[in-house]
PDB file of N, CA and C in Angstrom:
ATOM      1  N   MET A   1     102.872  98.252  90.150  1.00  0.00           N
ATOM      2  CA  MET A   1     103.149  97.680  91.454  1.00  0.00           C
ATOM      3  C   MET A   1     103.402  98.804  92.455  1.00  0.00           C
ATOM      4  N   TYR A   2     103.017  98.541  93.686  1.00  0.00           N
ATOM      5  CA  TYR A   2     103.218  99.474  94.794  1.00  0.00           C
ATOM      6  C   TYR A   2     104.014  98.733  95.860  1.00  0.00           C
ATOM      7  N   SER A   3     104.975  99.396  96.466  1.00  0.00           N
ATOM      8  CA  SER A   3     105.729  98.749  97.540  1.00  0.00           C
ATOM      9  C   SER A   3     105.934  99.727  98.693  1.00  0.00           C
ATOM     10  N   GLN A   4     106.096  99.154  99.874  1.00  0.00           N
ATOM     11  CA  GLN A   4     106.298  99.968 101.072  1.00  0.00           C
ATOM     12  C   GLN A   4     107.131  99.174 102.060  1.00  0.00           C
ATOM     13  N   ASN A   5     108.044  99.862 102.731  1.00  0.00           N
ATOM     14  CA  ASN A   5     108.898  99.228 103.734  1.00  0.00           C
ATOM     15  C   ASN A   5     108.096  98.824 104.960  1.00  0.00           C
ATOM     16  N   TYR A   6     108.538  97.759 105.626  1.00  0.00           N
ATOM     17  CA  TYR A   6     107.959  97.362 106.903  1.00  0.00           C
ATOM     18  C   TYR A   6     108.179  98.498 107.906  1.00  0.00           C
ATOM     19  N   ASP A   7     107.419  98.435 108.991  1.00  0.00           N
ATOM     20  CA  ASP A   7     107.541  99.445 110.045  1.00  0.00           C
ATOM     21  C   ASP A   7     108.297  98.853 111.233  1.00  0.00           C
ATOM     22  N   PRO A   8     109.598  99.178 111.362  1.00  0.00           N
ATOM     23  CA  PRO A   8     110.372  98.623 112.481  1.00  0.00           C
ATOM     24  C   PRO A   8     110.249  99.433 113.769  1.00  0.00           C
ATOM     25  N   ARG A   9     109.700 100.640 113.689  1.00  0.00           N
ATOM     26  CA  ARG A   9     109.636 101.508 114.871  1.00  0.00           C
ATOM     27  C   ARG A   9     108.424 101.220 115.735  1.00  0.00           C
ATOM     28  N   THR A  10     107.265 100.977 115.121  1.00  0.00           N
ATOM     29  CA  THR A  10     106.037 100.780 115.873  1.00  0.00           C
ATOM     30  C   THR A  10     105.928  99.377 116.445  1.00  0.00           C
ATOM     31  N   TYR A  11     106.531  98.408 115.787  1.00  0.00           N
ATOM     32  CA  TYR A  11     106.378  97.009 116.167  1.00  0.00           C
ATOM     33  C   TYR A  11     107.709  96.419 116.608  1.00  0.00           C
ATOM     34  N   TYR A  12     107.659  95.533 117.622  1.00  0.00           N
ATOM     35  CA  TYR A  12     108.859  94.886 118.152  1.00  0.00           C
ATOM     36  C   TYR A  12     109.594  94.141 117.044  1.00  0.00           C
ATOM     37  N   SER A  13     108.848  93.352 116.291  1.00  0.00           N
ATOM     38  CA  SER A  13     109.388  92.709 115.099  1.00  0.00           C
ATOM     39  C   SER A  13     108.852  93.510 113.918  1.00  0.00           C
ATOM     40  N   PRO A  14     109.712  93.994 113.010  1.00  0.00           N
ATOM     41  CA  PRO A  14     109.221  94.822 111.905  1.00  0.00           C
ATOM     42  C   PRO A  14     108.004  94.182 111.232  1.00  0.00           C
ATOM     43  N   ALA A  15     106.975  94.989 111.008  1.00  0.00           N
ATOM     44  CA  ALA A  15     105.702  94.467 110.508  1.00  0.00           C
ATOM     45  C   ALA A  15     105.355  95.056 109.156  1.00  0.00           C
ATOM     46  N   SER A  16     104.581  94.266 108.403  1.00  0.00           N
ATOM     47  CA  SER A  16     104.099  94.693 107.098  1.00  0.00           C
ATOM     48  C   SER A  16     102.957  95.685 107.282  1.00  0.00           C
ATOM     49  N   VAL A  17     103.154  96.890 106.748  1.00  0.00           N
ATOM     50  CA  VAL A  17     102.123  97.923 106.792  1.00  0.00           C
ATOM     51  C   VAL A  17     101.964  98.526 105.397  1.00  0.00           C
ATOM     52  N   LEU A  18     100.804  99.116 105.162  1.00  0.00           N
ATOM     53  CA  LEU A  18     100.556  99.823 103.910  1.00  0.00           C
ATOM     54  C   LEU A  18      99.867 101.142 104.203  1.00  0.00           C
ATOM     55  N   ASP A  19     100.278 102.182 103.484  1.00  0.00           N
ATOM     56  CA  ASP A  19      99.554 103.441 103.530  1.00  0.00           C
ATOM     57  C   ASP A  19      98.313 103.267 102.671  1.00  0.00           C
ATOM     58  N   ILE A  20      97.161 103.553 103.259  1.00  0.00           N
ATOM     59  CA  ILE A  20      95.899 103.430 102.546  1.00  0.00           C
ATOM     60  C   ILE A  20      95.167 104.761 102.601  1.00  0.00           C
ATOM     61  N   PHE A  21      94.269 104.951 101.661  1.00  0.00           N
ATOM     62  CA  PHE A  21      93.411 106.129 101.635  1.00  0.00           C
ATOM     63  C   PHE A  21      91.983 105.623 101.684  1.00  0.00           C
ATOM     64  N   VAL A  22      91.250 106.018 102.725  1.00  0.00           N
ATOM     65  CA  VAL A  22      89.892 105.547 102.946  1.00  0.00           C
ATOM     66  C   VAL A  22      88.916 106.646 102.549  1.00  0.00           C
ATOM     67  N   SER A  23      87.853 106.266 101.840  1.00  0.00           N
ATOM     68  CA  SER A  23      86.819 107.225 101.447  1.00  0.00           C
ATOM     69  C   SER A  23      85.458 106.564 101.588  1.00  0.00           C
ATOM     70  N   ALA A  24      84.419 107.397 101.515  1.00  0.00           N
ATOM     71  CA  ALA A  24      83.041 106.890 101.543  1.00  0.00           C
ATOM     72  C   ALA A  24      82.339 107.409 100.290  1.00  0.00           C
ATOM     73  N   ASP A  25      81.254 108.133 100.436  1.00  0.00           N
ATOM     74  CA  ASP A  25      80.474 108.578  99.281  1.00  0.00           C
ATOM     75  C   ASP A  25      81.006 109.836  98.610  1.00  0.00           C
ATOM     76  N   THR A  26      81.973 110.499  99.216  1.00  0.00           N
ATOM     77  CA  THR A  26      82.473 111.762  98.663  1.00  0.00           C
ATOM     78  C   THR A  26      83.901 111.589  98.160  1.00  0.00           C
ATOM     79  N   ASP A  27      84.485 112.673  97.667  1.00  0.00           N
ATOM     80  CA  ASP A  27      85.869 112.640  97.206  1.00  0.00           C
ATOM     81  C   ASP A  27      86.861 112.757  98.360  1.00  0.00           C
ATOM     82  N   GLN A  28      86.371 113.001  99.568  1.00  0.00           N
ATOM     83  CA  GLN A  28      87.252 113.136 100.725  1.00  0.00           C
ATOM     84  C   GLN A  28      87.917 111.794 101.030  1.00  0.00           C
ATOM     85  N   GLU A  29      89.229 111.820 101.233  1.00  0.00           N
ATOM     86  CA  GLU A  29      89.990 110.634 101.605  1.00  0.00           C
ATOM     87  C   GLU A  29      90.782 110.920 102.877  1.00  0.00           C
ATOM     88  N   ILE A  30      90.941 109.906 103.682  1.00  0.00           N
ATOM     89  CA  ILE A  30      91.765 110.011 104.878  1.00  0.00           C
ATOM     90  C   ILE A  30      92.893 108.986 104.751  1.00  0.00           C
ATOM     91  N   LYS A  31      94.117 109.468 104.928  1.00  0.00           N
ATOM     92  CA  LYS A  31      95.282 108.591 104.835  1.00  0.00           C
ATOM     93  C   LYS A  31      95.551 107.942 106.188  1.00  0.00           C
ATOM     94  N   LEU A  32      95.756 106.625 106.157  1.00  0.00           N
ATOM     95  CA  LEU A  32      96.078 105.851 107.346  1.00  0.00           C
ATOM     96  C   LEU A  32      97.199 104.879 107.020  1.00  0.00           C
ATOM     97  N   THR A  33      97.940 104.471 108.012  1.00  0.00           N
ATOM     98  CA  THR A  33      98.894 103.384 107.850  1.00  0.00           C
ATOM     99  C   THR A  33      98.285 102.178 108.539  1.00  0.00           C
ATOM    100  N   ALA A  34      98.038 101.108 107.756  1.00  0.00           N
ATOM    101  CA  ALA A  34      97.331  99.937 108.264  1.00  0.00           C
ATOM    102  C   ALA A  34      98.257  98.723 108.318  1.00  0.00           C
ATOM    103  N   LEU A  35      98.102  97.947 109.363  1.00  0.00           N
ATOM    104  CA  LEU A  35      98.821  96.694 109.507  1.00  0.00           C
ATOM    105  C   LEU A  35      98.231  95.681 108.533  1.00  0.00           C
ATOM    106  N   VAL A  36      99.074  94.964 107.800  1.00  0.00           N
ATOM    107  CA  VAL A  36      98.625  93.923 106.875  1.00  0.00           C
ATOM    108  C   VAL A  36      98.472  92.635 107.679  1.00  0.00           C
ATOM    109  N   ASP A  37      97.247  92.068 107.699  1.00  0.00           N
ATOM    110  CA  ASP A  37      96.973  90.882 108.504  1.00  0.00           C
ATOM    111  C   ASP A  37      96.208  89.854 107.673  1.00  0.00           C
ATOM    112  N   SER A  38      96.948  88.943 107.048  1.00  0.00           N
ATOM    113  CA  SER A  38      96.314  87.944 106.194  1.00  0.00           C
ATOM    114  C   SER A  38      95.519  86.907 106.997  1.00  0.00           C
ATOM    115  N   GLY A  39      95.641  86.932 108.303  1.00  0.00           N
ATOM    116  CA  GLY A  39      94.871  86.026 109.146  1.00  0.00           C
ATOM    117  C   GLY A  39      93.540  86.599 109.581  1.00  0.00           C
ATOM    118  N   ALA A  40      93.308  87.863 109.304  1.00  0.00           N
ATOM    119  CA  ALA A  40      92.055  88.514 109.693  1.00  0.00           C
ATOM    120  C   ALA A  40      91.048  88.426 108.550  1.00  0.00           C
ATOM    121  N   ASP A  41      89.830  88.064 108.865  1.00  0.00           N
ATOM    122  CA  ASP A  41      88.780  87.995 107.842  1.00  0.00           C
ATOM    123  C   ASP A  41      88.450  89.372 107.292  1.00  0.00           C
ATOM    124  N   GLY A  42      88.320  90.343 108.188  1.00  0.00           N
ATOM    125  CA  GLY A  42      87.848  91.664 107.788  1.00  0.00           C
ATOM    126  C   GLY A  42      88.862  92.758 108.011  1.00  0.00           C
ATOM    127  N   THR A  43      88.479  93.926 107.551  1.00  0.00           N
ATOM    128  CA  THR A  43      89.284  95.131 107.693  1.00  0.00           C
ATOM    129  C   THR A  43      88.711  95.950 108.835  1.00  0.00           C
ATOM    130  N   ILE A  44      89.583  96.461 109.681  1.00  0.00           N
ATOM    131  CA  ILE A  44      89.161  97.204 110.867  1.00  0.00           C
ATOM    132  C   ILE A  44      89.679  98.635 110.756  1.00  0.00           C
ATOM    133  N   LEU A  45      88.778  99.600 110.952  1.00  0.00           N
ATOM    134  CA  LEU A  45      89.136 101.012 110.880  1.00  0.00           C
ATOM    135  C   LEU A  45      88.637 101.737 112.123  1.00  0.00           C
ATOM    136  N   PRO A  46      89.368 102.768 112.568  1.00  0.00           N
ATOM    137  CA  PRO A  46      88.944 103.518 113.750  1.00  0.00           C
ATOM    138  C   PRO A  46      87.595 104.207 113.535  1.00  0.00           C
ATOM    139  N   GLU A  47      86.782 104.172 114.576  1.00  0.00           N
ATOM    140  CA  GLU A  47      85.448 104.775 114.531  1.00  0.00           C
ATOM    141  C   GLU A  47      85.499 106.249 114.123  1.00  0.00           C
ATOM    142  N   ASN A  48      86.482 107.002 114.626  1.00  0.00           N
ATOM    143  CA  ASN A  48      86.533 108.428 114.327  1.00  0.00           C
ATOM    144  C   ASN A  48      86.759 108.687 112.835  1.00  0.00           C
ATOM    145  N   VAL A  49      87.471 107.796 112.156  1.00  0.00           N
ATOM    146  CA  VAL A  49      87.679 107.934 110.706  1.00  0.00           C
ATOM    147  C   VAL A  49      86.355 107.697 109.976  1.00  0.00           C
ATOM    148  N   LEU A  50      85.627 106.658 110.372  1.00  0.00           N
ATOM    149  CA  LEU A  50      84.349 106.341 109.742  1.00  0.00           C
ATOM    150  C   LEU A  50      83.334 107.464 109.954  1.00  0.00           C
ATOM    151  N   VAL A  51      83.343 108.056 111.139  1.00  0.00           N
ATOM    152  CA  VAL A  51      82.444 109.179 111.436  1.00  0.00           C
ATOM    153  C   VAL A  51      82.829 110.397 110.600  1.00  0.00           C
ATOM    154  N   GLN A  52      84.120 110.702 110.540  1.00  0.00           N
ATOM    155  CA  GLN A  52      84.590 111.860 109.774  1.00  0.00           C
ATOM    156  C   GLN A  52      84.217 111.738 108.294  1.00  0.00           C
ATOM    157  N   LEU A  53      84.266 110.522 107.760  1.00  0.00           N
ATOM    158  CA  LEU A  53      83.923 110.292 106.354  1.00  0.00           C
ATOM    159  C   LEU A  53      82.413 110.161 106.133  1.00  0.00           C
ATOM    160  N   ASN A  54      81.655 110.105 107.230  1.00  0.00           N
ATOM    161  CA  ASN A  54      80.213 109.879 107.146  1.00  0.00           C
ATOM    162  C   ASN A  54      79.925 108.585 106.372  1.00  0.00           C
ATOM    163  N   ALA A  55      80.704 107.555 106.664  1.00  0.00           N
ATOM    164  CA  ALA A  55      80.560 106.265 105.988  1.00  0.00           C
ATOM    165  C   ALA A  55      79.200 105.658 106.314  1.00  0.00           C
ATOM    166  N   PRO A  56      78.505 105.128 105.316  1.00  0.00           N
ATOM    167  CA  PRO A  56      77.186 104.532 105.552  1.00  0.00           C
ATOM    168  C   PRO A  56      77.266 103.286 106.439  1.00  0.00           C
ATOM    169  N   TYR A  57      76.395 103.263 107.452  1.00  0.00           N
ATOM    170  CA  TYR A  57      76.273 102.099 108.324  1.00  0.00           C
ATOM    171  C   TYR A  57      75.581 100.991 107.533  1.00  0.00           C
ATOM    172  N   ILE A  58      76.089  99.762 107.632  1.00  0.00           N
ATOM    173  CA  ILE A  58      75.495  98.623 106.936  1.00  0.00           C
ATOM    174  C   ILE A  58      74.677  97.761 107.897  1.00  0.00           C
ATOM    175  N   GLU A  59      75.338  97.216 108.922  1.00  0.00           N
ATOM    176  CA  GLU A  59      74.653  96.355 109.873  1.00  0.00           C
ATOM    177  C   GLU A  59      75.590  96.009 111.026  1.00  0.00           C
ATOM    178  N   SER A  60      75.016  95.360 112.035  1.00  0.00           N
ATOM    179  CA  SER A  60      75.808  94.818 113.145  1.00  0.00           C
ATOM    180  C   SER A  60      75.954  93.326 112.937  1.00  0.00           C
ATOM    181  N   ARG A  61      77.135  92.805 113.315  1.00  0.00           N
ATOM    182  CA  ARG A  61      77.422  91.372 113.254  1.00  0.00           C
ATOM    183  C   ARG A  61      78.254  90.998 114.470  1.00  0.00           C
ATOM    184  N   TYR A  62      78.456  89.698 114.630  1.00  0.00           N
ATOM    185  CA  TYR A  62      79.317  89.236 115.701  1.00  0.00           C
ATOM    186  C   TYR A  62      80.668  88.846 115.136  1.00  0.00           C
ATOM    187  N   MET A  63      81.713  89.140 115.913  1.00  0.00           N
ATOM    188  CA  MET A  63      83.077  88.846 115.521  1.00  0.00           C
ATOM    189  C   MET A  63      83.761  88.168 116.703  1.00  0.00           C
ATOM    190  N   THR A  64      84.602  87.189 116.391  1.00  0.00           N
ATOM    191  CA  THR A  64      85.432  86.561 117.409  1.00  0.00           C
ATOM    192  C   THR A  64      86.870  86.941 117.124  1.00  0.00           C
ATOM    193  N   GLY A  65      87.503  87.601 118.062  1.00  0.00           N
ATOM    194  CA  GLY A  65      88.877  88.065 117.886  1.00  0.00           C
ATOM    195  C   GLY A  65      89.893  87.046 118.347  1.00  0.00           C
ATOM    196  N   VAL A  66      91.134  87.467 118.419  1.00  0.00           N
ATOM    197  CA  VAL A  66      92.231  86.568 118.793  1.00  0.00           C
ATOM    198  C   VAL A  66      92.099  86.044 120.226  1.00  0.00           C
ATOM    199  N   THR A  67      91.379  86.754 121.061  1.00  0.00           N
ATOM    200  CA  THR A  67      91.198  86.299 122.445  1.00  0.00           C
ATOM    201  C   THR A  67      90.122  85.218 122.558  1.00  0.00           C
ATOM    202  N   GLY A  68      89.359  85.000 121.482  1.00  0.00           N
ATOM    203  CA  GLY A  68      88.280  84.024 121.502  1.00  0.00           C
ATOM    204  C   GLY A  68      86.974  84.594 122.005  1.00  0.00           C
ATOM    205  N   LYS A  69      86.991  85.861 122.400  1.00  0.00           N
ATOM    206  CA  LYS A  69      85.785  86.508 122.905  1.00  0.00           C
ATOM    207  C   LYS A  69      84.909  86.960 121.733  1.00  0.00           C
ATOM    208  N   ARG A  70      83.630  86.619 121.789  1.00  0.00           N
ATOM    209  CA  ARG A  70      82.669  87.017 120.753  1.00  0.00           C
ATOM    210  C   ARG A  70      82.082  88.369 121.130  1.00  0.00           C
ATOM    211  N   GLU A  71      82.107  89.288 120.167  1.00  0.00           N
ATOM    212  CA  GLU A  71      81.568  90.620 120.444  1.00  0.00           C
ATOM    213  C   GLU A  71      80.815  91.158 119.236  1.00  0.00           C
ATOM    214  N   GLU A  72      79.864  92.007 119.499  1.00  0.00           N
ATOM    215  CA  GLU A  72      79.093  92.629 118.423  1.00  0.00           C
ATOM    216  C   GLU A  72      79.880  93.810 117.855  1.00  0.00           C
ATOM    217  N   VAL A  73      79.930  93.900 116.532  1.00  0.00           N
ATOM    218  CA  VAL A  73      80.633  94.996 115.860  1.00  0.00           C
ATOM    219  C   VAL A  73      79.703  95.614 114.813  1.00  0.00           C
ATOM    220  N   GLU A  74      80.036  96.834 114.424  1.00  0.00           N
ATOM    221  CA  GLU A  74      79.268  97.539 113.399  1.00  0.00           C
ATOM    222  C   GLU A  74      80.084  97.609 112.119  1.00  0.00           C
ATOM    223  N   LEU A  75      79.411  97.410 110.985  1.00  0.00           N
ATOM    224  CA  LEU A  75      80.048  97.452 109.675  1.00  0.00           C
ATOM    225  C   LEU A  75      79.634  98.717 108.927  1.00  0.00           C
ATOM    226  N   PHE A  76      80.619  99.312 108.244  1.00  0.00           N
ATOM    227  CA  PHE A  76      80.401 100.521 107.468  1.00  0.00           C
ATOM    228  C   PHE A  76      80.972 100.340 106.067  1.00  0.00           C
ATOM    229  N   LEU A  77      80.323 100.938 105.081  1.00  0.00           N
ATOM    230  CA  LEU A  77      80.735 100.804 103.687  1.00  0.00           C
ATOM    231  C   LEU A  77      81.772 101.864 103.330  1.00  0.00           C
ATOM    232  N   VAL A  78      82.939 101.411 102.859  1.00  0.00           N
ATOM    233  CA  VAL A  78      84.012 102.326 102.472  1.00  0.00           C
ATOM    234  C   VAL A  78      84.694 101.829 101.201  1.00  0.00           C
ATOM    235  N   SER A  79      85.519 102.690 100.646  1.00  0.00           N
ATOM    236  CA  SER A  79      86.443 102.336  99.572  1.00  0.00           C
ATOM    237  C   SER A  79      87.846 102.532 100.111  1.00  0.00           C
ATOM    238  N   ILE A  80      88.769 101.708  99.640  1.00  0.00           N
ATOM    239  CA  ILE A  80      90.154 101.801 100.081  1.00  0.00           C
ATOM    240  C   ILE A  80      91.047 101.881  98.860  1.00  0.00           C
ATOM    241  N   ARG A  81      91.910 102.903  98.858  1.00  0.00           N
ATOM    242  CA  ARG A  81      92.865 103.065  97.763  1.00  0.00           C
ATOM    243  C   ARG A  81      94.261 102.775  98.281  1.00  0.00           C
ATOM    244  N   ILE A  82      94.978 101.950  97.519  1.00  0.00           N
ATOM    245  CA  ILE A  82      96.384 101.652  97.781  1.00  0.00           C
ATOM    246  C   ILE A  82      97.127 102.030  96.516  1.00  0.00           C
ATOM    247  N   GLY A  83      98.021 103.007  96.601  1.00  0.00           N
ATOM    248  CA  GLY A  83      98.662 103.525  95.396  1.00  0.00           C
ATOM    249  C   GLY A  83      97.592 104.101  94.482  1.00  0.00           C
ATOM    250  N   THR A  84      97.530 103.627  93.253  1.00  0.00           N
ATOM    251  CA  THR A  84      96.527 104.116  92.302  1.00  0.00           C
ATOM    252  C   THR A  84      95.313 103.196  92.205  1.00  0.00           C
ATOM    253  N   HIS A  85      95.326 102.095  92.948  1.00  0.00           N
ATOM    254  CA  HIS A  85      94.260 101.095  92.849  1.00  0.00           C
ATOM    255  C   HIS A  85      93.213 101.294  93.938  1.00  0.00           C
ATOM    256  N   LYS A  86      91.951 101.430  93.527  1.00  0.00           N
ATOM    257  CA  LYS A  86      90.859 101.641  94.470  1.00  0.00           C
ATOM    258  C   LYS A  86      89.985 100.398  94.544  1.00  0.00           C
ATOM    259  N   ILE A  87      89.706  99.960  95.760  1.00  0.00           N
ATOM    260  CA  ILE A  87      88.858  98.802  96.005  1.00  0.00           C
ATOM    261  C   ILE A  87      87.580  99.313  96.664  1.00  0.00           C
ATOM    262  N   GLU A  88      86.464  99.106  95.997  1.00  0.00           N
ATOM    263  CA  GLU A  88      85.183  99.611  96.498  1.00  0.00           C
ATOM    264  C   GLU A  88      84.382  98.492  97.144  1.00  0.00           C
ATOM    265  N   GLY A  89      83.387  98.885  97.920  1.00  0.00           N
ATOM    266  CA  GLY A  89      82.476  97.913  98.516  1.00  0.00           C
ATOM    267  C   GLY A  89      83.050  97.149  99.693  1.00  0.00           C
ATOM    268  N   ILE A  90      83.933  97.785 100.455  1.00  0.00           N
ATOM    269  CA  ILE A  90      84.523  97.147 101.632  1.00  0.00           C
ATOM    270  C   ILE A  90      83.634  97.404 102.851  1.00  0.00           C
ATOM    271  N   TYR A  91      83.278  96.344 103.548  1.00  0.00           N
ATOM    272  CA  TYR A  91      82.510  96.455 104.785  1.00  0.00           C
ATOM    273  C   TYR A  91      83.505  96.479 105.939  1.00  0.00           C
ATOM    274  N   ALA A  92      83.878  97.667 106.369  1.00  0.00           N
ATOM    275  CA  ALA A  92      84.884  97.830 107.417  1.00  0.00           C
ATOM    276  C   ALA A  92      84.247  97.725 108.795  1.00  0.00           C
ATOM    277  N   ILE A  93      84.967  97.072 109.680  1.00  0.00           N
ATOM    278  CA  ILE A  93      84.549  96.943 111.075  1.00  0.00           C
ATOM    279  C   ILE A  93      85.005  98.187 111.821  1.00  0.00           C
ATOM    280  N   SER A  94      84.094  98.771 112.572  1.00  0.00           N
ATOM    281  CA  SER A  94      84.418  99.947 113.375  1.00  0.00           C
ATOM    282  C   SER A  94      85.093  99.519 114.673  1.00  0.00           C
ATOM    283  N   SER A  95      86.202 100.188 114.996  1.00  0.00           N
ATOM    284  CA  SER A  95      86.885  99.916 116.259  1.00  0.00           C
ATOM    285  C   SER A  95      86.990 101.205 117.056  1.00  0.00           C
ATOM    286  N   GLU A  96      87.564 101.121 118.223  1.00  0.00           N
ATOM    287  CA  GLU A  96      87.667 102.280 119.104  1.00  0.00           C
ATOM    288  C   GLU A  96      88.377 103.450 118.431  1.00  0.00           C
ATOM    289  N   LYS A  97      87.989 104.641 118.827  1.00  0.00           N
ATOM    290  CA  LYS A  97      88.611 105.857 118.310  1.00  0.00           C
ATOM    291  C   LYS A  97      90.121 105.787 118.498  1.00  0.00           C
ATOM    292  N   GLY A  98      90.859 106.077 117.418  1.00  0.00           N
ATOM    293  CA  GLY A  98      92.308 106.121 117.489  1.00  0.00           C
ATOM    294  C   GLY A  98      92.989 104.760 117.483  1.00  0.00           C
ATOM    295  N   SER A  99      92.222 103.688 117.319  1.00  0.00           N
ATOM    296  CA  SER A  99      92.843 102.362 117.309  1.00  0.00           C
ATOM    297  C   SER A  99      93.582 102.106 115.998  1.00  0.00           C
ATOM    298  N   GLU A 100      94.326 101.036 115.974  1.00  0.00           N
ATOM    299  CA  GLU A 100      95.165 100.720 114.832  1.00  0.00           C
ATOM    300  C   GLU A 100      94.336 100.174 113.663  1.00  0.00           C
ATOM    301  N   PRO A 101      94.478 100.753 112.469  1.00  0.00           N
ATOM    302  CA  PRO A 101      93.812 100.201 111.287  1.00  0.00           C
ATOM    303  C   PRO A 101      94.448  98.870 110.910  1.00  0.00           C
ATOM    304  N   LEU A 102      93.619  97.955 110.406  1.00  0.00           N
ATOM    305  CA  LEU A 102      94.088  96.629 110.050  1.00  0.00           C
ATOM    306  C   LEU A 102      93.457  96.224 108.718  1.00  0.00           C
ATOM    307  N   LEU A 103      94.295  95.806 107.768  1.00  0.00           N
ATOM    308  CA  LEU A 103      93.806  95.318 106.469  1.00  0.00           C
ATOM    309  C   LEU A 103      93.680  93.805 106.530  1.00  0.00           C
ATOM    310  N   GLY A 104      92.452  93.311 106.405  1.00  0.00           N
ATOM    311  CA  GLY A 104      92.204  91.876 106.418  1.00  0.00           C
ATOM    312  C   GLY A 104      91.987  91.340 105.012  1.00  0.00           C
ATOM    313  N   ARG A 105      91.594  90.069 104.963  1.00  0.00           N
ATOM    314  CA  ARG A 105      91.452  89.389 103.671  1.00  0.00           C
ATOM    315  C   ARG A 105      90.368  89.991 102.790  1.00  0.00           C
ATOM    316  N   GLU A 106      89.398  90.679 103.367  1.00  0.00           N
ATOM    317  CA  GLU A 106      88.363  91.314 102.541  1.00  0.00           C
ATOM    318  C   GLU A 106      89.002  92.264 101.528  1.00  0.00           C
ATOM    319  N   VAL A 107      90.080  92.931 101.918  1.00  0.00           N
ATOM    320  CA  VAL A 107      90.828  93.806 101.011  1.00  0.00           C
ATOM    321  C   VAL A 107      91.936  93.022 100.312  1.00  0.00           C
ATOM    322  N   LEU A 108      92.694  92.245 101.065  1.00  0.00           N
ATOM    323  CA  LEU A 108      93.874  91.565 100.521  1.00  0.00           C
ATOM    324  C   LEU A 108      93.534  90.577  99.410  1.00  0.00           C
ATOM    325  N   ASN A 109      92.345  89.975  99.445  1.00  0.00           N
ATOM    326  CA  ASN A 109      91.955  89.023  98.404  1.00  0.00           C
ATOM    327  C   ASN A 109      91.699  89.685  97.055  1.00  0.00           C
ATOM    328  N   ASN A 110      91.732  91.007  97.003  1.00  0.00           N
ATOM    329  CA  ASN A 110      91.595  91.751  95.752  1.00  0.00           C
ATOM    330  C   ASN A 110      92.948  92.098  95.149  1.00  0.00           C
ATOM    331  N   LEU A 111      94.023  91.631  95.763  1.00  0.00           N
ATOM    332  CA  LEU A 111      95.375  92.034  95.395  1.00  0.00           C
ATOM    333  C   LEU A 111      96.315  90.834  95.344  1.00  0.00           C
ATOM    334  N   ILE A 112      97.467  91.050  94.754  1.00  0.00           N
ATOM    335  CA  ILE A 112      98.581  90.115  94.890  1.00  0.00           C
ATOM    336  C   ILE A 112      99.533  90.781  95.878  1.00  0.00           C
ATOM    337  N   VAL A 113      99.691  90.180  97.038  1.00  0.00           N
ATOM    338  CA  VAL A 113     100.507  90.773  98.098  1.00  0.00           C
ATOM    339  C   VAL A 113     101.693  89.862  98.379  1.00  0.00           C
ATOM    340  N   THR A 114     102.884  90.437  98.308  1.00  0.00           N
ATOM    341  CA  THR A 114     104.104  89.702  98.620  1.00  0.00           C
ATOM    342  C   THR A 114     104.747  90.320  99.855  1.00  0.00           C
ATOM    343  N   LEU A 115     104.933  89.499 100.876  1.00  0.00           N
ATOM    344  CA  LEU A 115     105.617  89.955 102.084  1.00  0.00           C
ATOM    345  C   LEU A 115     107.060  89.480 101.979  1.00  0.00           C
ATOM    346  N   ASN A 116     107.943  90.378 101.635  1.00  0.00           N
ATOM    347  CA  ASN A 116     109.360  90.053 101.490  1.00  0.00           C
ATOM    348  C   ASN A 116     110.045  90.374 102.821  1.00  0.00           C
ATOM    349  N   GLY A 117     110.021  89.392 103.697  1.00  0.00           N
ATOM    350  CA  GLY A 117     110.566  89.590 105.035  1.00  0.00           C
ATOM    351  C   GLY A 117     112.056  89.867 105.060  1.00  0.00           C
ATOM    352  N   LEU A 118     112.817  89.253 104.149  1.00  0.00           N
ATOM    353  CA  LEU A 118     114.259  89.478 104.135  1.00  0.00           C
ATOM    354  C   LEU A 118     114.595  90.924 103.787  1.00  0.00           C
ATOM    355  N   ALA A 119     113.845  91.498 102.866  1.00  0.00           N
ATOM    356  CA  ALA A 119     114.065  92.895 102.478  1.00  0.00           C
ATOM    357  C   ALA A 119     113.210  93.856 103.299  1.00  0.00           C
ATOM    358  N   GLU A 120     112.301  93.298 104.127  1.00  0.00           N
ATOM    359  CA  GLU A 120     111.361  94.085 104.925  1.00  0.00           C
ATOM    360  C   GLU A 120     110.560  95.046 104.050  1.00  0.00           C
ATOM    361  N   VAL A 121     109.972  94.489 102.991  1.00  0.00           N
ATOM    362  CA  VAL A 121     109.171  95.263 102.034  1.00  0.00           C
ATOM    363  C   VAL A 121     107.884  94.520 101.732  1.00  0.00           C
ATOM    364  N   THR A 122     106.778  95.241 101.675  1.00  0.00           N
ATOM    365  CA  THR A 122     105.498  94.709 101.207  1.00  0.00           C
ATOM    366  C   THR A 122     105.296  95.171  99.781  1.00  0.00           C
ATOM    367  N   GLU A 123     105.020  94.224  98.876  1.00  0.00           N
ATOM    368  CA  GLU A 123     104.774  94.555  97.478  1.00  0.00           C
ATOM    369  C   GLU A 123     103.333  94.209  97.133  1.00  0.00           C
ATOM    370  N   VAL A 124     102.660  95.123  96.438  1.00  0.00           N
ATOM    371  CA  VAL A 124     101.262  94.930  96.085  1.00  0.00           C
ATOM    372  C   VAL A 124     101.100  95.109  94.589  1.00  0.00           C
ATOM    373  N   GLN A 125     100.392  94.162  93.973  1.00  0.00           N
ATOM    374  CA  GLN A 125     100.055  94.251  92.548  1.00  0.00           C
ATOM    375  C   GLN A 125      98.565  94.047  92.395  1.00  0.00           C
ATOM    376  N   TRP A 126      98.024  94.573  91.292  1.00  0.00           N
ATOM    377  CA  TRP A 126      96.598  94.381  91.008  1.00  0.00           C
ATOM    378  C   TRP A 126      96.400  94.065  89.562  1.00  0.00           C
TER     379      TRP A 126
END
């Protein structure tokens, strides 16, 4: 099991975050702190991270965000490691350079995730 404290400094209400390691075709990994969002279909990663990893482009699709606006996004193939567990074959959505990473159900559905709000801890099992 892997656990991590919520982030009370970045968010008004302490939020569930996880340190993740993103990789593509090489052994190079980039560490990011990602917001856990069980309401999001996909995982969103900053464009500059995907470029730095030389992540393979998959295709463009349309996405509707929380504002209801439909927009075209690009998908890239990555692997995501949380603790010692690596999840391969993730189609990550590219977002603006330096934007906040977000873990959606594409990753979360591969795990048992417990959001312990009273203790402000996220627990992950695989």
